């Protein structure tokens, strides 16, 4: 099975506001507000660079945050992406 691509909602659809340890994400399309913690806002920010597969997204995040390659990073990232997809904040491309 090919590595699915993910993309964030179109520009202007989400309003992201940091609230200390939490981040509020208001989805203008559904009129819902989601409260999330790290790494959700960072994943959304990395996807703002354009749709990409999980492996490429992991590399974007590693570059942005100077991370080493973690063994289970792709599996964990896929879980977070599926959670964001369930909220309607990202979708498979």
Protein backbone atom coordinates (compact mmCIF):
# COMPACT_ATOMS: atom_id res chain seq x y z
CA UNK A 1 0.00 0.00 0.00
CA UNK A 2 1.34 3.42 -0.94
CA UNK A 3 2.09 5.97 1.74
CA UNK A 4 -1.01 8.21 1.82
CA UNK A 5 -0.60 11.94 1.34
CA UNK A 6 -2.20 14.32 3.81
CA UNK A 7 -3.16 17.95 3.39
CA UNK A 8 -4.40 20.61 5.76
CA UNK A 9 -7.66 22.51 5.25
CA UNK A 10 -7.56 25.30 2.67
CA UNK A 11 -6.00 28.59 3.69
CA UNK A 12 -8.27 30.67 5.88
CA UNK A 13 -10.43 27.74 6.99
CA UNK A 14 -8.73 27.34 10.36
CA UNK A 15 -7.97 29.90 13.03
CA UNK A 16 -5.22 28.69 15.34
CA UNK A 17 -4.77 30.39 18.72
CA UNK A 18 -2.19 29.26 21.31
CA UNK A 19 -3.58 29.14 24.86
CA UNK A 20 -0.58 28.21 26.99
CA UNK A 21 -0.15 24.43 26.88
CA UNK A 22 -3.25 24.06 24.70
CA UNK A 23 -4.05 25.39 21.25
CA UNK A 24 -7.57 26.29 20.15
CA UNK A 25 -8.32 25.56 16.50
CA UNK A 26 -11.53 27.05 15.16
CA UNK A 27 -12.74 25.44 11.94
CA UNK A 28 -14.75 28.07 10.08
CA UNK A 29 -16.29 25.42 7.81
CA UNK A 30 -17.86 23.34 10.60
CA UNK A 31 -18.03 26.15 13.19
CA UNK A 32 -16.33 23.82 15.69
CA UNK A 33 -13.49 24.63 18.05
CA UNK A 34 -10.96 21.93 18.88
CA UNK A 35 -8.56 22.08 21.81
CA UNK A 36 -5.33 20.24 21.09
CA UNK A 37 -1.83 19.85 22.52
CA UNK A 38 1.54 19.34 20.94
CA UNK A 39 2.32 18.04 18.34
CA UNK A 40 -1.01 18.78 16.61
CA UNK A 41 -0.39 22.50 15.86
CA UNK A 42 3.12 21.70 14.66
CA UNK A 43 1.79 19.03 12.30
CA UNK A 44 -0.75 21.47 10.86
CA UNK A 45 1.97 24.10 10.40
CA UNK A 46 4.21 21.59 8.61
CA UNK A 47 1.35 20.61 6.29
CA UNK A 48 0.86 24.27 5.39
CA UNK A 49 3.93 23.80 3.15
CA UNK A 50 1.81 21.52 0.97
CA UNK A 51 0.39 17.98 0.88
CA UNK A 52 2.87 15.20 1.49
CA UNK A 53 3.21 11.56 2.55
CA UNK A 54 3.92 10.66 6.18
CA UNK A 55 7.63 10.05 5.59
CA UNK A 56 8.10 13.48 4.02
CA UNK A 57 6.08 15.12 6.78
CA UNK A 58 8.26 13.41 9.40
CA UNK A 59 11.31 14.83 7.62
CA UNK A 60 9.76 18.33 7.57
CA UNK A 61 9.12 18.14 11.30
CA UNK A 62 12.60 16.76 12.00
CA UNK A 63 14.16 19.64 10.07
CA UNK A 64 11.94 22.26 11.68
CA UNK A 65 12.53 21.04 15.23
CA UNK A 66 16.04 19.58 14.82
CA UNK A 67 14.91 16.06 15.75
CA UNK A 68 16.75 12.80 15.29
CA UNK A 69 14.98 10.08 13.34
CA UNK A 70 12.90 8.17 15.88
CA UNK A 71 12.17 4.51 15.22
CA UNK A 72 8.39 4.71 15.55
CA UNK A 73 8.01 8.31 14.38
CA UNK A 74 6.07 7.40 11.22
CA UNK A 75 3.60 5.19 13.12
CA UNK A 76 3.04 7.83 15.79
CA UNK A 77 2.72 10.56 13.17
CA UNK A 78 0.17 8.47 11.26
CA UNK A 79 -1.89 8.10 14.44
CA UNK A 80 -1.87 11.87 15.00
CA UNK A 81 -2.78 12.51 11.36
CA UNK A 82 -5.73 10.13 11.62
CA UNK A 83 -6.88 11.97 14.77
CA UNK A 84 -6.65 15.29 12.90
CA UNK A 85 -8.55 13.72 9.98
CA UNK A 86 -11.30 12.54 12.34
CA UNK A 87 -11.65 16.17 13.51
CA UNK A 88 -11.83 17.31 9.89
CA UNK A 89 -8.67 19.42 10.13
CA UNK A 90 -6.66 17.39 7.62
CA UNK A 91 -7.62 14.94 4.91
CA UNK A 92 -6.02 12.25 2.85
CA UNK A 93 -5.07 13.59 -0.54
